[in-house]
Amino acid sequence: MSTTSVQEIRRQLREKFPAAHGSVSLSEEPPTTNQKPFEVATFPARAISELIPAQKGCSLSLWIAGILGEPQETAALPEFVLVDAGDHFDPASYTAAACSRLLWVRCSHINDALKATDLLVRDGNIPFIMLDVYSLPMAELRSISASVWWRIRQFCESSACRLIVLSPFPLVPCASLRLSISTRLTLNDFSQPRAEVLGNLTAVPNLLRHAH
């Protein structure tokens, strides 16, 4: 892609997401517990949020479906980024209009996913970034240095990005918000439209304990 094309994309993204490029108020209110998990405003800007399963076997992919929604028209530019560390996102299960809202970054290794996330957060042109490490081995995730997360959070603060990490357990030591996701699905739900199944998803805030 030429430099001119990249600059044009950046310009269009700045026009579409002015909040990600303007000044940020330091008096931003923390999210309240009655906000819905599919609303962008639920997740604080300039910060890392984390989604974890409330019980074993609970998949977080339904949350991604809720965030993308079911738009009727194709988006001119992506509004979300998914850094897919496990390379298990299935675009065939979504409509073309929903996929048009998403920039899908496929990674085969956690180090590649972290590097991509670092770059995207620093760039800040798409201010809602999802890092999905849910399917990776726990030992691999625990090997990530805490300093990696703190550095990424600093970049979030600078670019006003929202970074949401989808993890099988509490992983990010500097998360500003952590939600436990529960789907409460039954066998009958698998034959229901996705929009109806999304109503079964609940999100409960977790108590955060940060080391100082």
C-alpha atoms as a PDB file:
ATOM      1  CA  MET A   1       0.000   0.000   0.000  1.00  0.00           C
ATOM      2  CA  SER A   2       1.401   3.428  -0.927  1.00  0.00           C
ATOM      3  CA  THR A   3       2.173   6.144   1.635  1.00  0.00           C
ATOM      4  CA  THR A   4      -0.563   8.298   0.113  1.00  0.00           C
ATOM      5  CA  SER A   5      -3.145   5.542   0.597  1.00  0.00           C
ATOM      6  CA  VAL A   6      -2.122   5.066   4.233  1.00  0.00           C
ATOM      7  CA  GLN A   7      -2.353   8.805   4.889  1.00  0.00           C
ATOM      8  CA  GLU A   8      -5.807   8.926   3.311  1.00  0.00           C
ATOM      9  CA  ILE A   9      -6.998   6.041   5.507  1.00  0.00           C
ATOM     10  CA  ARG A  10      -5.628   7.815   8.583  1.00  0.00           C
ATOM     11  CA  ARG A  11      -7.451  11.015   7.608  1.00  0.00           C
ATOM     12  CA  GLN A  12     -10.753   9.176   7.179  1.00  0.00           C
ATOM     13  CA  LEU A  13     -10.334   7.394  10.498  1.00  0.00           C
ATOM     14  CA  ARG A  14      -9.619  10.688  12.276  1.00  0.00           C
ATOM     15  CA  GLU A  15     -12.811  12.139  10.843  1.00  0.00           C
ATOM     16  CA  LYS A  16     -14.841   9.073  11.847  1.00  0.00           C
ATOM     17  CA  PHE A  17     -13.339   8.768  15.348  1.00  0.00           C
ATOM     18  CA  PRO A  18     -12.435  12.314  16.460  1.00  0.00           C
ATOM     19  CA  ALA A  19     -12.506  11.316  20.135  1.00  0.00           C
ATOM     20  CA  ALA A  20      -9.525   9.055  19.627  1.00  0.00           C
ATOM     21  CA  HIS A  21      -7.386  11.927  18.356  1.00  0.00           C
ATOM     22  CA  GLY A  22      -8.497  14.901  20.379  1.00  0.00           C
ATOM     23  CA  SER A  23      -7.831  15.911  23.950  1.00  0.00           C
ATOM     24  CA  VAL A  24      -9.026  13.571  26.675  1.00  0.00           C
ATOM     25  CA  SER A  25     -10.615  14.711  29.910  1.00  0.00           C
ATOM     26  CA  LEU A  26      -8.893  13.365  33.022  1.00  0.00           C
ATOM     27  CA  SER A  27     -12.156  13.515  34.948  1.00  0.00           C
ATOM     28  CA  GLU A  28     -13.781  10.687  33.003  1.00  0.00           C
ATOM     29  CA  GLU A  29     -16.298   8.819  35.152  1.00  0.00           C
ATOM     30  CA  PRO A  30     -15.704   5.096  35.736  1.00  0.00           C
ATOM     31  CA  PRO A  31     -18.200   2.743  34.068  1.00  0.00           C
ATOM     32  CA  THR A  32     -21.249   1.856  36.126  1.00  0.00           C
ATOM     33  CA  THR A  33     -22.438  -1.674  36.776  1.00  0.00           C
ATOM     34  CA  ASN A  34     -25.751  -1.178  34.926  1.00  0.00           C
ATOM     35  CA  GLN A  35     -24.138  -0.579  31.542  1.00  0.00           C
ATOM     36  CA  LYS A  36     -24.482  -3.310  28.942  1.00  0.00           C
ATOM     37  CA  PRO A  37     -21.515  -5.427  27.800  1.00  0.00           C
ATOM     38  CA  PHE A  38     -22.214  -4.659  24.129  1.00  0.00           C
ATOM     39  CA  GLU A  39     -21.917  -0.885  24.531  1.00  0.00           C
ATOM     40  CA  VAL A  40     -18.568   0.664  23.668  1.00  0.00           C
ATOM     41  CA  ALA A  41     -18.978   3.236  26.447  1.00  0.00           C
ATOM     42  CA  THR A  42     -18.985   0.446  29.043  1.00  0.00           C
ATOM     43  CA  PHE A  43     -15.242   0.103  28.540  1.00  0.00           C
ATOM     44  CA  PRO A  44     -13.119   3.045  29.707  1.00  0.00           C
ATOM     45  CA  ALA A  45     -10.969   4.876  27.187  1.00  0.00           C
ATOM     46  CA  ARG A  46      -7.243   5.234  27.827  1.00  0.00           C
ATOM     47  CA  ALA A  47      -7.306   1.885  29.620  1.00  0.00           C
ATOM     48  CA  ILE A  48      -7.236  -1.893  29.398  1.00  0.00           C
ATOM     49  CA  SER A  49     -10.373  -3.866  30.205  1.00  0.00           C
ATOM     50  CA  GLU A  50     -10.512  -7.617  30.601  1.00  0.00           C
ATOM     51  CA  LEU A  51     -13.217 -10.190  29.923  1.00  0.00           C
ATOM     52  CA  ILE A  52     -13.004 -13.582  31.614  1.00  0.00           C
ATOM     53  CA  PRO A  53     -15.447 -16.521  31.676  1.00  0.00           C
ATOM     54  CA  ALA A  54     -17.603 -16.797  34.782  1.00  0.00           C
ATOM     55  CA  GLN A  55     -17.497 -20.584  34.621  1.00  0.00           C
ATOM     56  CA  LYS A  56     -15.508 -23.296  32.906  1.00  0.00           C
ATOM     57  CA  GLY A  57     -16.525 -23.890  29.299  1.00  0.00           C
ATOM     58  CA  CYS A  58     -18.022 -20.427  28.842  1.00  0.00           C
ATOM     59  CA  SER A  59     -16.994 -19.030  25.464  1.00  0.00           C
ATOM     60  CA  LEU A  60     -16.345 -15.332  24.979  1.00  0.00           C
ATOM     61  CA  SER A  61     -16.980 -15.418  21.221  1.00  0.00           C
ATOM     62  CA  LEU A  62     -20.618 -14.510  21.802  1.00  0.00           C
ATOM     63  CA  TRP A  63     -19.491 -11.184  23.213  1.00  0.00           C
ATOM     64  CA  ILE A  64     -17.635 -10.419  19.973  1.00  0.00           C
ATOM     65  CA  ALA A  65     -20.859 -11.114  18.080  1.00  0.00           C
ATOM     66  CA  GLY A  66     -22.698  -8.688  20.338  1.00  0.00           C
ATOM     67  CA  ILE A  67     -20.139  -5.939  19.827  1.00  0.00           C
ATOM     68  CA  LEU A  68     -20.218  -6.298  16.041  1.00  0.00           C
ATOM     69  CA  GLY A  69     -24.012  -6.391  16.049  1.00  0.00           C
ATOM     70  CA  GLU A  70     -26.120  -7.040  12.976  1.00  0.00           C
ATOM     71  CA  PRO A  71     -25.750  -3.900  10.832  1.00  0.00           C
ATOM     72  CA  GLN A  72     -27.822  -3.561   7.687  1.00  0.00           C
ATOM     73  CA  GLU A  73     -25.185  -1.677   5.703  1.00  0.00           C
ATOM     74  CA  THR A  74     -21.520  -2.299   5.002  1.00  0.00           C
ATOM     75  CA  ALA A  75     -19.159  -0.018   6.917  1.00  0.00           C
ATOM     76  CA  ALA A  76     -16.865   2.187   4.857  1.00  0.00           C
ATOM     77  CA  LEU A  77     -14.078   1.762   7.411  1.00  0.00           C
ATOM     78  CA  PRO A  78     -13.493  -0.720  10.242  1.00  0.00           C
ATOM     79  CA  GLU A  79     -14.615   0.404  13.685  1.00  0.00           C
ATOM     80  CA  PHE A  80     -13.050  -2.425  15.691  1.00  0.00           C
ATOM     81  CA  VAL A  81      -9.820  -4.410  15.623  1.00  0.00           C
ATOM     82  CA  LEU A  82      -9.596  -8.058  16.649  1.00  0.00           C
ATOM     83  CA  VAL A  83      -6.082  -9.333  17.322  1.00  0.00           C
ATOM     84  CA  ASP A  84      -6.766 -13.050  17.146  1.00  0.00           C
ATOM     85  CA  ALA A  85      -3.906 -14.777  18.979  1.00  0.00           C
ATOM     86  CA  GLY A  86      -5.416 -18.235  18.576  1.00  0.00           C
ATOM     87  CA  ASP A  87      -6.540 -17.737  14.969  1.00  0.00           C
ATOM     88  CA  HIS A  88      -9.973 -19.188  15.705  1.00  0.00           C
ATOM     89  CA  PHE A  89     -12.305 -16.331  14.714  1.00  0.00           C
ATOM     90  CA  ASP A  90     -14.785 -17.638  12.145  1.00  0.00           C
ATOM     91  CA  PRO A  91     -15.877 -14.859   9.762  1.00  0.00           C
ATOM     92  CA  ALA A  92     -18.199 -17.272   7.955  1.00  0.00           C
ATOM     93  CA  SER A  93     -20.531 -17.203  10.961  1.00  0.00           C
ATOM     94  CA  TYR A  94     -21.069 -13.446  10.593  1.00  0.00           C
ATOM     95  CA  THR A  95     -22.724 -11.348   7.917  1.00  0.00           C
ATOM     96  CA  ALA A  96     -20.603  -9.415   5.449  1.00  0.00           C
ATOM     97  CA  ALA A  97     -21.892  -6.161   6.952  1.00  0.00           C
ATOM     98  CA  ALA A  98     -20.802  -7.222  10.446  1.00  0.00           C
ATOM     99  CA  CYS A  99     -17.362  -8.260   9.190  1.00  0.00           C
ATOM    100  CA  SER A 100     -16.956  -4.910   7.451  1.00  0.00           C
ATOM    101  CA  ARG A 101     -16.850  -3.278  10.884  1.00  0.00           C
ATOM    102  CA  LEU A 102     -13.858  -5.392  11.892  1.00  0.00           C
ATOM    103  CA  LEU A 103     -10.156  -5.379  11.088  1.00  0.00           C
ATOM    104  CA  TRP A 104      -9.093  -8.975  11.753  1.00  0.00           C
ATOM    105  CA  VAL A 105      -5.427  -9.486  12.648  1.00  0.00           C
ATOM    106  CA  ARG A 106      -4.562 -13.181  12.590  1.00  0.00           C
ATOM    107  CA  CYS A 107      -1.614 -14.315  14.711  1.00  0.00           C
ATOM    108  CA  SER A 108      -0.129 -17.755  15.261  1.00  0.00           C
ATOM    109  CA  HIS A 109       1.896 -16.917  18.381  1.00  0.00           C
ATOM    110  CA  ILE A 110       1.331 -14.834  21.503  1.00  0.00           C
ATOM    111  CA  ASN A 111       4.452 -12.743  20.833  1.00  0.00           C
ATOM    112  CA  ASP A 112       3.118 -11.765  17.410  1.00  0.00           C
ATOM    113  CA  ALA A 113      -0.246 -10.876  18.950  1.00  0.00           C
ATOM    114  CA  LEU A 114       1.368  -8.684  21.605  1.00  0.00           C
ATOM    115  CA  LYS A 115       3.516  -6.914  19.007  1.00  0.00           C
ATOM    116  CA  ALA A 116       0.460  -6.271  16.831  1.00  0.00           C
ATOM    117  CA  THR A 117      -1.497  -4.967  19.821  1.00  0.00           C
ATOM    118  CA  ASP A 118       1.384  -2.718  20.832  1.00  0.00           C
ATOM    119  CA  LEU A 119       1.520  -1.242  17.317  1.00  0.00           C
ATOM    120  CA  LEU A 120      -2.244  -0.766  16.995  1.00  0.00           C
ATOM    121  CA  VAL A 121      -2.601   0.876  20.400  1.00  0.00           C
ATOM    122  CA  ARG A 122       0.268   3.247  19.699  1.00  0.00           C
ATOM    123  CA  ASP A 123      -1.200   4.142  16.305  1.00  0.00           C
ATOM    124  CA  GLY A 124      -4.633   4.803  17.794  1.00  0.00           C
ATOM    125  CA  ASN A 125      -6.482   5.188  14.495  1.00  0.00           C
ATOM    126  CA  ILE A 126      -9.064   2.535  15.384  1.00  0.00           C
ATOM    127  CA  PRO A 127      -9.799   3.256  19.049  1.00  0.00           C
ATOM    128  CA  PHE A 128     -11.517  -0.031  20.024  1.00  0.00           C
ATOM    129  CA  ILE A 129      -9.100  -2.969  20.025  1.00  0.00           C
ATOM    130  CA  MET A 130      -9.818  -6.534  21.130  1.00  0.00           C
ATOM    131  CA  LEU A 131      -7.012  -8.959  21.978  1.00  0.00           C
ATOM    132  CA  ASP A 132      -8.323 -12.529  22.086  1.00  0.00           C
ATOM    133  CA  VAL A 133      -5.981 -14.898  23.954  1.00  0.00           C
ATOM    134  CA  TYR A 134      -8.803 -17.046  25.306  1.00  0.00           C
ATOM    135  CA  SER A 135      -7.783 -20.267  23.550  1.00  0.00           C
ATOM    136  CA  LEU A 136      -4.062 -20.120  24.364  1.00  0.00           C
ATOM    137  CA  PRO A 137      -2.435 -22.411  26.970  1.00  0.00           C
ATOM    138  CA  MET A 138      -2.421 -20.953  30.485  1.00  0.00           C
ATOM    139  CA  ALA A 139       1.312 -21.578  30.884  1.00  0.00           C
ATOM    140  CA  GLU A 140       1.970 -19.500  27.775  1.00  0.00           C
ATOM    141  CA  LEU A 141      -0.186 -16.659  29.054  1.00  0.00           C
ATOM    142  CA  ARG A 142       1.398 -16.690  32.507  1.00  0.00           C
ATOM    143  CA  SER A 143       4.812 -16.287  30.886  1.00  0.00           C
ATOM    144  CA  ILE A 144       3.889 -12.770  29.726  1.00  0.00           C
ATOM    145  CA  SER A 145       5.798 -10.228  31.795  1.00  0.00           C
ATOM    146  CA  ALA A 146       3.693  -7.739  33.756  1.00  0.00           C
ATOM    147  CA  SER A 147       5.813  -4.959  32.272  1.00  0.00           C
ATOM    148  CA  VAL A 148       4.362  -5.772  28.836  1.00  0.00           C
ATOM    149  CA  TRP A 149       0.846  -4.955  30.037  1.00  0.00           C
ATOM    150  CA  TRP A 150       1.924  -1.795  31.834  1.00  0.00           C
ATOM    151  CA  ARG A 151       3.688  -0.536  28.704  1.00  0.00           C
ATOM    152  CA  ILE A 152       0.624  -1.218  26.566  1.00  0.00           C
ATOM    153  CA  ARG A 153      -1.548   0.594  29.088  1.00  0.00           C
ATOM    154  CA  GLN A 154       0.708   3.653  28.833  1.00  0.00           C
ATOM    155  CA  PHE A 155       0.161   3.670  25.088  1.00  0.00           C
ATOM    156  CA  CYS A 156      -3.604   3.384  25.669  1.00  0.00           C
ATOM    157  CA  GLU A 157      -3.450   6.470  27.863  1.00  0.00           C
ATOM    158  CA  SER A 158      -1.614   8.392  25.147  1.00  0.00           C
ATOM    159  CA  SER A 159      -3.826   7.371  22.224  1.00  0.00           C
ATOM    160  CA  ALA A 160      -7.199   7.255  24.079  1.00  0.00           C
ATOM    161  CA  CYS A 161      -7.722   3.670  22.899  1.00  0.00           C
ATOM    162  CA  ARG A 162      -9.953   1.102  24.516  1.00  0.00           C
ATOM    163  CA  LEU A 163      -8.175  -2.257  24.711  1.00  0.00           C
ATOM    164  CA  ILE A 164     -10.266  -5.268  25.721  1.00  0.00           C
ATOM    165  CA  VAL A 165      -8.404  -8.493  26.511  1.00  0.00           C
ATOM    166  CA  LEU A 166     -10.372 -11.745  26.266  1.00  0.00           C
ATOM    167  CA  SER A 167      -8.642 -14.194  28.602  1.00  0.00           C
ATOM    168  CA  PRO A 168      -9.457 -17.547  30.267  1.00  0.00           C
ATOM    169  CA  PHE A 169      -8.464 -16.163  33.698  1.00  0.00           C
ATOM    170  CA  PRO A 170      -7.505 -12.801  35.295  1.00  0.00           C
ATOM    171  CA  LEU A 171      -4.341 -11.987  33.377  1.00  0.00           C
ATOM    172  CA  VAL A 172      -3.770  -8.241  33.049  1.00  0.00           C
ATOM    173  CA  PRO A 173      -2.322  -6.739  36.264  1.00  0.00           C
ATOM    174  CA  CYS A 174      -3.193  -3.168  35.261  1.00  0.00           C
ATOM    175  CA  ALA A 175      -6.752  -3.699  34.000  1.00  0.00           C
ATOM    176  CA  SER A 176      -9.105  -0.832  34.841  1.00  0.00           C
ATOM    177  CA  LEU A 177     -12.207  -2.984  34.368  1.00  0.00           C
ATOM    178  CA  ARG A 178     -12.660  -6.736  34.575  1.00  0.00           C
ATOM    179  CA  LEU A 179     -15.963  -8.372  33.681  1.00  0.00           C
ATOM    180  CA  SER A 180     -16.948 -11.985  34.259  1.00  0.00           C
ATOM    181  CA  ILE A 181     -19.006 -13.142  31.292  1.00  0.00           C
ATOM    182  CA  SER A 182     -21.699 -15.781  31.700  1.00  0.00           C
ATOM    183  CA  THR A 183     -23.745 -17.129  28.806  1.00  0.00           C
ATOM    184  CA  ARG A 184     -26.038 -19.575  30.637  1.00  0.00           C
ATOM    185  CA  LEU A 185     -26.738 -21.454  27.422  1.00  0.00           C
ATOM    186  CA  THR A 186     -28.814 -24.606  27.102  1.00  0.00           C
ATOM    187  CA  LEU A 187     -29.029 -27.088  24.238  1.00  0.00           C
ATOM    188  CA  ASN A 188     -32.175 -25.347  23.005  1.00  0.00           C
ATOM    189  CA  ASP A 189     -30.251 -22.086  22.574  1.00  0.00           C
ATOM    190  CA  PHE A 190     -28.153 -23.528  19.761  1.00  0.00           C
ATOM    191  CA  SER A 191     -31.212 -23.541  17.499  1.00  0.00           C
ATOM    192  CA  GLN A 192     -32.183 -19.954  18.360  1.00  0.00           C
ATOM    193  CA  PRO A 193     -31.264 -16.807  16.394  1.00  0.00           C
ATOM    194  CA  ARG A 194     -28.065 -15.215  17.633  1.00  0.00           C
ATOM    195  CA  ALA A 195     -29.868 -12.001  18.593  1.00  0.00           C
ATOM    196  CA  GLU A 196     -32.027 -13.944  21.049  1.00  0.00           C
ATOM    197  CA  VAL A 197     -29.085 -15.877  22.475  1.00  0.00           C
ATOM    198  CA  LEU A 198     -27.227 -12.640  23.167  1.00  0.00           C
ATOM    199  CA  GLY A 199     -29.900 -11.786  25.688  1.00  0.00           C
ATOM    200  CA  ASN A 200     -28.621 -14.629  27.868  1.00  0.00           C
ATOM    201  CA  LEU A 201     -25.192 -13.071  28.224  1.00  0.00           C
ATOM    202  CA  THR A 202     -24.505 -11.328  31.521  1.00  0.00           C
ATOM    203  CA  ALA A 203     -21.451  -9.382  32.664  1.00  0.00           C
ATOM    204  CA  VAL A 204     -20.518  -8.911  36.327  1.00  0.00           C
ATOM    205  CA  PRO A 205     -17.663  -6.579  37.376  1.00  0.00           C
ATOM    206  CA  ASN A 206     -14.799  -8.186  39.290  1.00  0.00           C
ATOM    207  CA  LEU A 207     -12.972  -6.592  42.193  1.00  0.00           C
ATOM    208  CA  LEU A 208      -9.575  -5.394  40.996  1.00  0.00           C
ATOM    209  CA  ARG A 209      -6.498  -5.620  43.177  1.00  0.00           C
ATOM    210  CA  HIS A 210      -3.472  -3.814  41.801  1.00  0.00           C
ATOM    211  CA  ALA A 211      -0.030  -3.998  43.302  1.00  0.00           C
ATOM    212  CA  HIS A 212       1.597  -0.641  44.011  1.00  0.00           C
END
